[in-house]
């Protein structure tokens, strides 16, 4: 069947980040807005280039449900449905495939997501309404699927053929990221995605992929590889200009697995932003080991207002065991540099790894308060298939793989060798409460805000966070764990 129309969706199964590396629940985090579905926009761009008409729907951000999805199927009548899935939501996401096949038997149903890279055959075998699974990078794969006379020729997919599951050879990672077209932002409802502090429109810019480090909990090696691949500074800044002039967007999150790794590349981007007088605000993620005076100074000059650091633990022993390749002093130095240059700090910590004890978790909480960053998220480790953490936890009987869907970083699946699932939830909440409800912290944050509107947004976010942290936790259940 020739594909003429495609519907690309985030299913109405919860507010989750679905950019493969991160599968975090937005409502379970303290300081993260919903991100624009850049993965869908990239796929729509390559499909459009292949003469396929596309519609993108982000049902969670639109606050729409399955009735809206069914209406869109009937109204639009697509030949292909592309579903972005996560491990926590996968079973619920597959309802979209069932609805689609009920509406039209010959519709081609395709999924993309990090879960597919490790569990493709399992996913396909479990869901009869699913036709094709994309493993790895999806941008060009989806366009090839739409144009293929035979799926055997498309690299990096798994599909059914004559009643059997067929895996084509892996798709090599895209070396030249400049070969990607700009995302099809004209198909997005851009007003939905806003900065949490000012409420202004915000979008993502995909700048680099890959990470050479080996953190045991991270999906990046699986979905992006261990070699860093960067877009050229010129292509990045040209896309920023397009966002400014075409969409009126001046707030950005520069998405990269290791944005600050290459100093020369970072400086070139910043110099172009400054040289073109773009007057933008942006944030990105950084490793604590790859920030120095030169990078911080240039980033601030070019409009960087916030940096996220995966600090993970306040225990050096734990950092070493998770293969973080960082020291506690690196975190102190990075936060200090951000303070010096007026860049806000978003700290991310991870508790619930197999060796964690109540004492090591309390040590992490104490370290977070000592660093005194501007924002804190404390996630509970989630075993993403394909990671070393998944294999260790499975071998040690710390979670039930058969029951893993429906859990996430804030609604945990695992326990540790020494701490129950219930206690991980309580310790996480205690850590967030003790960090955010310090009077000195509240005064510092409010004093840094200049405008009345922004101060009101901070107060509103603070009240919402308090309600979230002190909300009813009686729904938390202990997953069934196989006895060892």
Protein backbone atom coordinates (compact mmCIF):
# COMPACT_ATOMS: atom_id res chain seq x y z
CA UNK A 1 0.00 0.00 0.00
CA UNK A 2 1.33 3.43 -0.89
CA UNK A 3 1.45 5.68 2.17
CA UNK A 4 -0.12 9.05 1.42
CA UNK A 5 -1.11 10.27 4.89
CA UNK A 6 0.47 9.68 8.30
CA UNK A 7 -0.68 10.48 11.82
CA UNK A 8 2.19 10.77 14.32
CA UNK A 9 1.23 10.77 18.00
CA UNK A 10 2.10 10.98 21.66
CA UNK A 11 -0.75 8.78 22.95
CA UNK A 12 -3.10 9.99 25.72
CA UNK A 13 -1.29 7.83 28.28
CA UNK A 14 0.32 10.47 30.49
CA UNK A 15 2.74 13.40 30.32
CA UNK A 16 6.07 11.70 29.59
CA UNK A 17 9.25 12.81 27.92
CA UNK A 18 9.56 10.53 24.91
CA UNK A 19 12.92 11.51 23.43
CA UNK A 20 14.36 7.99 23.94
CA UNK A 21 17.15 8.97 26.35
CA UNK A 22 14.64 10.33 28.84
CA UNK A 23 11.36 8.56 29.67
CA UNK A 24 10.57 10.62 32.74
CA UNK A 25 7.04 11.51 33.90
CA UNK A 26 6.64 15.29 33.71
CA UNK A 27 4.12 15.36 36.55
CA UNK A 28 6.48 13.31 38.72
CA UNK A 29 9.30 15.86 38.40
CA UNK A 30 9.65 19.12 40.29
CA UNK A 31 11.02 21.51 37.68
CA UNK A 32 10.47 20.19 34.16
CA UNK A 33 7.93 21.46 31.63
CA UNK A 34 6.49 19.27 28.89
CA UNK A 35 8.84 19.25 25.92
CA UNK A 36 7.75 19.68 22.34
CA UNK A 37 7.61 16.33 20.48
CA UNK A 38 10.74 16.91 18.44
CA UNK A 39 11.00 13.23 17.54
CA UNK A 40 7.62 13.39 15.81
CA UNK A 41 8.51 16.69 14.12
CA UNK A 42 11.73 15.21 12.70
CA UNK A 43 9.90 12.16 11.37
CA UNK A 44 7.19 14.36 9.90
CA UNK A 45 9.88 16.40 8.12
CA UNK A 46 11.41 13.34 6.41
CA UNK A 47 7.95 11.96 5.58
CA UNK A 48 6.91 15.28 4.07
CA UNK A 49 10.05 15.24 1.93
CA UNK A 50 8.86 11.81 0.72
CA UNK A 51 5.51 13.32 -0.32
CA UNK A 52 3.58 11.98 2.69
CA UNK A 53 1.03 14.35 4.22
CA UNK A 54 1.44 14.46 8.04
CA UNK A 55 -0.43 15.46 11.15
CA UNK A 56 1.18 15.52 14.63
CA UNK A 57 -0.89 15.13 17.79
CA UNK A 58 0.46 15.41 21.32
CA UNK A 59 -2.65 14.25 23.16
CA UNK A 60 -1.33 14.63 26.75
CA UNK A 61 -0.25 18.25 26.19
CA UNK A 62 -3.55 18.99 24.44
CA UNK A 63 -5.37 17.45 27.44
CA UNK A 64 -7.17 15.13 25.06
CA UNK A 65 -8.18 11.49 25.46
CA UNK A 66 -8.88 8.36 23.43
CA UNK A 67 -12.14 9.80 22.11
CA UNK A 68 -10.16 12.60 20.49
CA UNK A 69 -7.79 10.04 18.99
CA UNK A 70 -10.68 8.03 17.56
CA UNK A 71 -12.16 11.20 16.13
CA UNK A 72 -8.83 12.05 14.47
CA UNK A 73 -8.63 8.57 12.94
CA UNK A 74 -12.09 8.94 11.43
CA UNK A 75 -11.63 12.54 10.32
CA UNK A 76 -8.13 12.21 8.90
CA UNK A 77 -8.18 8.54 7.78
CA UNK A 78 -4.37 8.04 7.77
CA UNK A 79 -2.62 5.23 5.92
CA UNK A 80 0.08 5.05 8.62
CA UNK A 81 0.06 5.60 12.38
CA UNK A 82 3.39 6.32 14.12
CA UNK A 83 3.38 5.96 17.92
CA UNK A 84 6.17 7.25 20.18
CA UNK A 85 6.31 4.85 23.14
CA UNK A 86 8.07 4.67 26.51
CA UNK A 87 8.78 1.64 28.68
CA UNK A 88 6.49 2.82 31.53
CA UNK A 89 3.55 3.51 29.17
CA UNK A 90 4.09 0.92 26.46
CA UNK A 91 1.15 -1.37 27.23
CA UNK A 92 -1.21 1.59 27.45
CA UNK A 93 0.33 3.13 24.31
CA UNK A 94 -0.55 0.00 22.37
CA UNK A 95 -4.24 0.81 22.76
CA UNK A 96 -3.62 3.25 19.92
CA UNK A 97 -2.69 0.34 17.67
CA UNK A 98 -5.84 -1.56 18.65
CA UNK A 99 -8.09 1.44 17.98
CA UNK A 100 -6.39 2.05 14.63
CA UNK A 101 -6.77 -1.52 13.40
CA UNK A 102 -10.39 -1.59 14.55
CA UNK A 103 -11.02 1.53 12.49
CA UNK A 104 -9.06 0.42 9.44
CA UNK A 105 -7.59 -3.04 9.01
CA UNK A 106 -5.00 -2.02 6.41
CA UNK A 107 -3.51 0.90 8.36
CA UNK A 108 0.24 0.50 8.90
CA UNK A 109 1.07 0.83 12.62
CA UNK A 110 4.66 1.73 13.50
CA UNK A 111 6.31 2.43 16.88
CA UNK A 112 9.56 4.12 17.86
CA UNK A 113 11.19 4.42 21.28
CA UNK A 114 14.13 3.25 23.38
CA UNK A 115 12.21 0.18 24.56
CA UNK A 116 12.24 -1.17 21.01
CA UNK A 117 16.04 -1.21 20.85
CA UNK A 118 16.20 -3.92 23.51
CA UNK A 119 12.78 -5.61 23.35
CA UNK A 120 11.68 -5.33 19.70
CA UNK A 121 10.74 -8.96 19.12
CA UNK A 122 9.00 -9.19 22.47
CA UNK A 123 6.96 -6.05 21.75
CA UNK A 124 5.93 -7.25 18.30
CA UNK A 125 5.03 -10.73 19.54
CA UNK A 126 2.86 -9.32 22.33
CA UNK A 127 0.87 -6.88 20.20
CA UNK A 128 -0.90 -8.33 17.18
CA UNK A 129 -2.08 -4.88 16.02
CA UNK A 130 1.48 -3.62 15.65
CA UNK A 131 3.13 -3.97 12.23
CA UNK A 132 6.62 -2.46 12.41
CA UNK A 133 9.02 -1.61 15.24
CA UNK A 134 11.85 0.89 14.67
CA UNK A 135 15.06 0.11 16.51
CA UNK A 136 17.43 3.04 17.01
CA UNK A 137 17.21 6.38 15.21
CA UNK A 138 13.86 6.82 13.54
CA UNK A 139 14.02 9.97 11.39
CA UNK A 140 14.98 8.41 8.06
CA UNK A 141 13.78 4.91 8.92
CA UNK A 142 10.14 6.01 9.05
CA UNK A 143 10.34 7.63 5.61
CA UNK A 144 11.92 4.50 4.17
CA UNK A 145 9.15 2.40 5.72
CA UNK A 146 6.52 4.61 4.08
CA UNK A 147 8.18 4.26 0.66
CA UNK A 148 9.33 0.62 0.83
CA UNK A 149 7.95 -2.03 -1.48
CA UNK A 150 9.54 -4.58 0.86
CA UNK A 151 10.46 -3.95 4.50
CA UNK A 152 13.43 -6.29 4.09
CA UNK A 153 15.34 -3.37 2.57
CA UNK A 154 14.86 -1.03 5.55
CA UNK A 155 17.65 -1.20 8.13
CA UNK A 156 16.95 -1.16 11.87
CA UNK A 157 13.37 -2.42 11.92
CA UNK A 158 11.52 -5.51 13.10
CA UNK A 159 8.29 -6.62 11.37
CA UNK A 160 6.05 -9.56 10.55
CA UNK A 161 6.42 -11.53 7.34
CA UNK A 162 4.44 -14.65 6.51
CA UNK A 163 3.57 -15.14 10.16
CA UNK A 164 7.17 -14.82 11.35
CA UNK A 165 9.02 -11.97 13.07
CA UNK A 166 11.87 -10.62 10.93
CA UNK A 167 14.73 -8.37 12.09
CA UNK A 168 16.66 -6.43 9.50
CA UNK A 169 20.33 -5.56 10.18
CA UNK A 170 20.96 -2.63 12.58
CA UNK A 171 20.78 0.89 11.20
CA UNK A 172 24.11 2.69 11.60
CA UNK A 173 23.93 5.86 13.68
CA UNK A 174 23.58 8.94 11.50
CA UNK A 175 27.09 10.41 11.30
CA UNK A 176 26.20 13.70 9.63
CA UNK A 177 23.46 15.25 11.77
CA UNK A 178 23.38 18.23 9.41
CA UNK A 179 21.72 15.85 6.94
CA UNK A 180 18.55 16.00 9.03
CA UNK A 181 15.94 18.49 7.85
CA UNK A 182 14.71 21.03 10.36
CA UNK A 183 11.84 19.62 12.42
CA UNK A 184 8.35 20.28 11.04
CA UNK A 185 7.45 22.81 13.73
CA UNK A 186 4.62 24.15 11.59
CA UNK A 187 2.78 20.93 12.46
CA UNK A 188 3.20 21.46 16.23
CA UNK A 189 0.93 23.42 18.53
CA UNK A 190 3.90 25.50 19.69
CA UNK A 191 1.90 27.51 22.23
CA UNK A 192 1.64 24.40 24.42
CA UNK A 193 5.34 24.33 25.27
CA UNK A 194 6.47 27.12 27.58
CA UNK A 195 9.24 27.94 30.01
CA UNK A 196 8.33 27.18 33.62
CA UNK A 197 9.62 30.53 34.91
CA UNK A 198 8.35 33.16 32.44
CA UNK A 199 5.68 31.21 30.60
CA UNK A 200 7.09 32.19 27.21
CA UNK A 201 7.06 29.81 24.22
CA UNK A 202 9.95 27.36 24.21
CA UNK A 203 11.24 24.68 21.87
CA UNK A 204 14.05 22.15 21.67
CA UNK A 205 17.06 22.30 19.39
CA UNK A 206 18.69 18.93 18.77
CA UNK A 207 22.43 19.76 18.85
CA UNK A 208 24.39 16.54 19.43
CA UNK A 209 23.99 12.83 20.12
CA UNK A 210 26.05 10.16 21.82
CA UNK A 211 28.09 9.92 25.01
CA UNK A 212 31.43 8.17 25.67
CA UNK A 213 30.62 7.43 29.33
CA UNK A 214 29.22 4.16 30.67
CA UNK A 215 26.73 5.04 33.44
CA UNK A 216 24.94 1.79 34.21
CA UNK A 217 21.43 3.29 34.37
CA UNK A 218 21.53 5.36 31.17
CA UNK A 219 19.91 4.50 27.83
CA UNK A 220 22.13 6.82 25.76
CA UNK A 221 24.64 4.14 24.65
CA UNK A 222 21.68 2.06 23.50
CA UNK A 223 19.84 4.75 21.54
CA UNK A 224 22.63 7.19 20.58
CA UNK A 225 25.90 5.27 20.90
CA UNK A 226 29.19 6.03 22.62
CA UNK A 227 30.59 8.30 19.92
CA UNK A 228 29.63 11.97 20.09
CA UNK A 229 28.08 13.24 16.87
CA UNK A 230 27.54 16.99 16.63
CA UNK A 231 25.66 19.25 14.29
CA UNK A 232 27.69 22.09 12.87
CA UNK A 233 27.38 25.35 14.86
CA UNK A 234 26.11 27.07 11.71
CA UNK A 235 23.21 24.64 11.23
CA UNK A 236 22.22 24.96 14.90
CA UNK A 237 22.18 28.75 14.84
CA UNK A 238 20.36 28.83 11.50
CA UNK A 239 17.60 26.71 13.08
CA UNK A 240 17.47 29.07 16.06
CA UNK A 241 16.97 31.98 13.65
CA UNK A 242 14.17 30.09 11.91
CA UNK A 243 12.43 29.62 15.26
CA UNK A 244 12.74 33.33 16.02
CA UNK A 245 11.52 34.61 12.68
CA UNK A 246 8.97 31.93 11.74
CA UNK A 247 7.51 31.04 15.14
CA UNK A 248 8.38 33.92 17.48
CA UNK A 249 10.26 31.58 19.83
CA UNK A 250 13.25 32.93 21.78
CA UNK A 251 13.49 30.32 24.55
CA UNK A 252 15.30 27.06 23.87
CA UNK A 253 16.51 23.84 25.38
CA UNK A 254 19.61 22.65 23.57
CA UNK A 255 19.23 18.88 23.61
CA UNK A 256 22.47 16.91 23.68
CA UNK A 257 23.79 13.94 25.60
CA UNK A 258 27.03 15.82 26.33
CA UNK A 259 26.61 19.46 25.24
CA UNK A 260 29.66 20.93 27.02
CA UNK A 261 32.10 18.15 26.08
CA UNK A 262 33.86 19.99 23.21
CA UNK A 263 34.97 23.50 24.22
CA UNK A 264 35.73 24.73 20.70
CA UNK A 265 32.31 23.63 19.42
CA UNK A 266 30.50 25.26 22.37
CA UNK A 267 32.37 28.53 21.85
CA UNK A 268 31.63 28.55 18.11
CA UNK A 269 27.90 28.20 18.79
CA UNK A 270 28.02 30.97 21.37
CA UNK A 271 30.02 33.26 19.11
CA UNK A 272 27.47 32.87 16.31
CA UNK A 273 24.58 33.61 18.69
CA UNK A 274 26.34 36.71 20.01
CA UNK A 275 27.56 37.80 16.56
CA UNK A 276 24.04 37.65 15.10
CA UNK A 277 22.62 39.48 18.15
CA UNK A 278 19.90 36.88 18.54
CA UNK A 279 18.96 37.81 22.13
CA UNK A 280 17.73 34.38 23.22
CA UNK A 281 17.41 32.47 26.51
CA UNK A 282 18.45 28.84 26.61
CA UNK A 283 19.38 25.95 28.84
CA UNK A 284 21.02 22.60 28.35
CA UNK A 285 22.49 19.62 30.20
CA UNK A 286 26.14 19.37 31.21
CA UNK A 287 28.41 16.93 32.92
CA UNK A 288 30.01 18.32 36.07
CA UNK A 289 33.38 17.27 34.64
CA UNK A 290 33.09 19.28 31.42
CA UNK A 291 32.36 22.81 32.58
CA UNK A 292 35.13 25.36 33.01
CA UNK A 293 35.56 29.14 33.19
CA UNK A 294 35.83 29.62 29.43
CA UNK A 295 32.72 27.61 28.56
CA UNK A 296 30.63 29.10 31.38
CA UNK A 297 31.60 32.66 30.41
CA UNK A 298 30.75 32.18 26.72
CA UNK A 299 27.50 30.34 27.47
CA UNK A 300 26.29 33.09 29.79
CA UNK A 301 27.21 35.73 27.21
CA UNK A 302 25.18 33.86 24.57
CA UNK A 303 22.03 33.68 26.72
CA UNK A 304 22.38 30.48 28.78
CA UNK A 305 20.35 30.91 31.95
CA UNK A 306 20.22 27.36 33.34
CA UNK A 307 22.31 24.19 33.28
CA UNK A 308 21.16 20.73 34.30
CA UNK A 309 23.70 18.43 35.94
CA UNK A 310 23.28 14.69 36.48
CA UNK A 311 25.10 14.71 39.82
CA UNK A 312 23.35 11.45 40.85
CA UNK A 313 24.80 10.80 44.33
CA UNK A 314 26.45 12.33 47.38
CA UNK A 315 28.47 9.16 47.89
CA UNK A 316 31.73 8.76 45.99
CA UNK A 317 31.49 5.00 46.41
CA UNK A 318 28.09 5.02 44.70
CA UNK A 319 29.34 7.26 41.90
CA UNK A 320 32.17 4.81 41.24
CA UNK A 321 29.87 1.79 41.25
CA UNK A 322 27.44 3.40 38.80
CA UNK A 323 30.45 4.21 36.52
CA UNK A 324 29.72 7.93 36.58
CA UNK A 325 33.39 8.89 36.01
CA UNK A 326 32.99 11.96 38.23
CA UNK A 327 33.96 13.03 41.73
CA UNK A 328 32.03 14.95 44.36
CA UNK A 329 34.45 17.85 44.04
CA UNK A 330 33.54 18.12 40.34
CA UNK A 331 29.93 18.83 41.33
CA UNK A 332 31.04 21.46 43.83
CA UNK A 333 33.21 23.14 41.20
CA UNK A 334 30.49 23.10 38.54
CA UNK A 335 27.86 24.62 40.85
CA UNK A 336 30.36 27.24 42.00
CA UNK A 337 31.12 28.22 38.39
CA UNK A 338 27.43 28.61 37.62
CA UNK A 339 27.03 30.81 40.68
CA UNK A 340 29.94 32.98 39.54
CA UNK A 341 28.43 33.55 36.09
CA UNK A 342 24.80 33.88 37.14
CA UNK A 343 23.63 30.60 35.58
CA UNK A 344 20.93 28.74 37.50
CA UNK A 345 21.60 25.13 38.47
CA UNK A 346 19.16 22.24 38.02
CA UNK A 347 20.51 19.27 40.00
CA UNK A 348 19.43 15.72 39.23
CA UNK A 349 20.09 12.92 41.69
CA UNK A 350 19.33 9.20 41.47
CA UNK A 351 18.46 6.95 44.39
CA UNK A 352 17.46 3.30 44.49
CA UNK A 353 20.43 1.63 42.84
CA UNK A 354 20.97 -1.95 44.07
CA UNK A 355 23.54 -1.09 46.74
CA UNK A 356 21.75 1.97 48.14
CA UNK A 357 21.02 2.03 51.86
CA UNK A 358 18.95 4.51 53.85
CA UNK A 359 22.22 6.01 55.05
CA UNK A 360 23.65 6.49 51.53
CA UNK A 361 20.37 8.09 50.39
CA UNK A 362 20.43 10.48 53.35
CA UNK A 363 24.04 11.26 52.44
CA UNK A 364 22.87 12.19 48.95
CA UNK A 365 20.11 14.43 50.33
CA UNK A 366 22.60 16.20 52.60
CA UNK A 367 25.01 16.71 49.69
CA UNK A 368 22.23 18.23 47.55
CA UNK A 369 21.48 20.77 50.30
CA UNK A 370 25.18 21.55 50.69
CA UNK A 371 25.48 22.28 46.96
CA UNK A 372 22.38 24.48 47.25
CA UNK A 373 21.46 24.56 43.56
CA UNK A 374 18.40 26.38 42.31
CA UNK A 375 16.26 23.35 41.46
CA UNK A 376 16.38 19.72 42.49
CA UNK A 377 14.91 16.51 41.14
CA UNK A 378 15.55 13.24 42.92
CA UNK A 379 14.55 10.30 40.77
CA UNK A 380 14.21 6.68 41.79
CA UNK A 381 16.21 4.40 39.51
CA UNK A 382 14.13 2.77 36.77
CA UNK A 383 15.45 -0.35 34.98
CA UNK A 384 15.37 0.59 31.29
CA UNK A 385 15.78 -2.57 29.20
CA UNK A 386 19.18 -2.74 27.58
CA UNK A 387 21.01 -1.00 30.44
CA UNK A 388 23.46 -2.65 32.81
CA UNK A 389 21.26 -1.59 35.73
CA UNK A 390 18.36 -3.56 34.22
CA UNK A 391 20.49 -6.71 34.02
CA UNK A 392 21.91 -6.35 37.56
CA UNK A 393 18.49 -5.73 39.10
CA UNK A 394 16.93 -8.58 37.15
CA UNK A 395 19.70 -10.99 38.20
CA UNK A 396 19.39 -9.95 41.84
CA UNK A 397 15.59 -10.20 41.86
CA UNK A 398 15.03 -6.53 42.70
CA UNK A 399 12.02 -6.11 40.41
CA UNK A 400 9.46 -8.15 38.54
CA UNK A 401 10.02 -7.70 34.81
CA UNK A 402 6.55 -9.03 33.98
CA UNK A 403 4.98 -6.16 35.93
CA UNK A 404 7.30 -3.31 34.93
CA UNK A 405 4.91 -1.25 32.80
CA UNK A 406 3.01 1.45 34.65
CA UNK A 407 5.93 2.34 36.92
CA UNK A 408 8.45 5.15 36.44
CA UNK A 409 11.07 7.36 38.12
CA UNK A 410 8.62 8.77 40.68
CA UNK A 411 6.39 5.69 41.00
CA UNK A 412 9.10 3.08 41.44
CA UNK A 413 9.28 -0.51 40.36
CA UNK A 414 12.45 -1.60 42.13
CA UNK A 415 13.78 -2.03 45.61
CA UNK A 416 17.44 -2.19 46.65
CA UNK A 417 19.28 -4.86 48.58
CA UNK A 418 18.58 -2.86 51.74
CA UNK A 419 15.65 -0.49 51.10
CA UNK A 420 12.06 -1.39 50.22
CA UNK A 421 10.10 0.31 47.44
CA UNK A 422 7.89 2.03 50.04
CA UNK A 423 10.90 3.45 51.82
CA UNK A 424 12.44 4.70 48.57
CA UNK A 425 9.26 6.71 47.95
CA UNK A 426 9.31 8.12 51.47
CA UNK A 427 13.01 8.98 51.34
CA UNK A 428 12.60 10.72 47.99
CA UNK A 429 9.76 12.84 49.29
CA UNK A 430 11.63 13.65 52.49
CA UNK A 431 14.65 14.74 50.47
CA UNK A 432 12.64 17.04 48.21
CA UNK A 433 10.71 18.52 51.14
CA UNK A 434 13.86 19.20 53.17
CA UNK A 435 15.50 20.88 50.16
CA UNK A 436 12.64 23.06 48.90
CA UNK A 437 11.12 24.09 52.24
CA UNK A 438 14.26 25.72 53.63
CA UNK A 439 13.40 29.38 54.41
CA UNK A 440 16.79 30.53 53.12
CA UNK A 441 16.17 28.74 49.82
CA UNK A 442 12.78 30.37 49.33
CA UNK A 443 14.13 33.84 50.05
CA UNK A 444 17.06 33.35 47.67
CA UNK A 445 14.89 32.19 44.79
CA UNK A 446 12.29 34.94 45.17
CA UNK A 447 14.94 37.63 45.56
CA UNK A 448 16.50 36.56 42.25
CA UNK A 449 13.22 37.16 40.40
CA UNK A 450 12.78 40.70 39.07
CA UNK A 451 9.32 40.90 37.48
CA UNK A 452 6.02 40.65 39.35
CA UNK A 453 4.59 38.19 36.80
CA UNK A 454 7.57 35.88 37.11
CA UNK A 455 7.41 36.05 40.93
CA UNK A 456 3.75 35.03 40.79
CA UNK A 457 4.65 32.08 38.56
CA UNK A 458 7.30 30.97 41.05
CA UNK A 459 4.86 31.26 43.95
CA UNK A 460 2.25 29.29 42.01
CA UNK A 461 4.80 26.60 41.11
CA UNK A 462 5.91 26.45 44.74
CA UNK A 463 2.36 25.93 45.98
CA UNK A 464 1.79 23.22 43.38
CA UNK A 465 5.02 21.50 44.42
CA UNK A 466 4.02 21.56 48.10
CA UNK A 467 0.67 20.01 47.26
CA UNK A 468 2.43 17.36 45.19
CA UNK A 469 4.97 16.53 47.89
CA UNK A 470 2.39 16.37 50.67
CA UNK A 471 -0.24 14.66 48.55
CA UNK A 472 -1.68 11.27 49.39
CA UNK A 473 0.87 8.49 48.86
CA UNK A 474 -1.42 5.66 49.89
CA UNK A 475 -1.65 4.59 46.23
CA UNK A 476 1.97 3.48 46.23
CA UNK A 477 2.12 -0.27 45.92
CA UNK A 478 4.99 -2.67 46.37
CA UNK A 479 5.62 -4.55 43.10
CA UNK A 480 5.61 -8.31 43.46
CA UNK A 481 9.22 -9.46 43.67
CA UNK A 482 10.25 -12.99 42.87
CA UNK A 483 12.01 -14.58 45.82
CA UNK A 484 15.66 -15.27 45.28
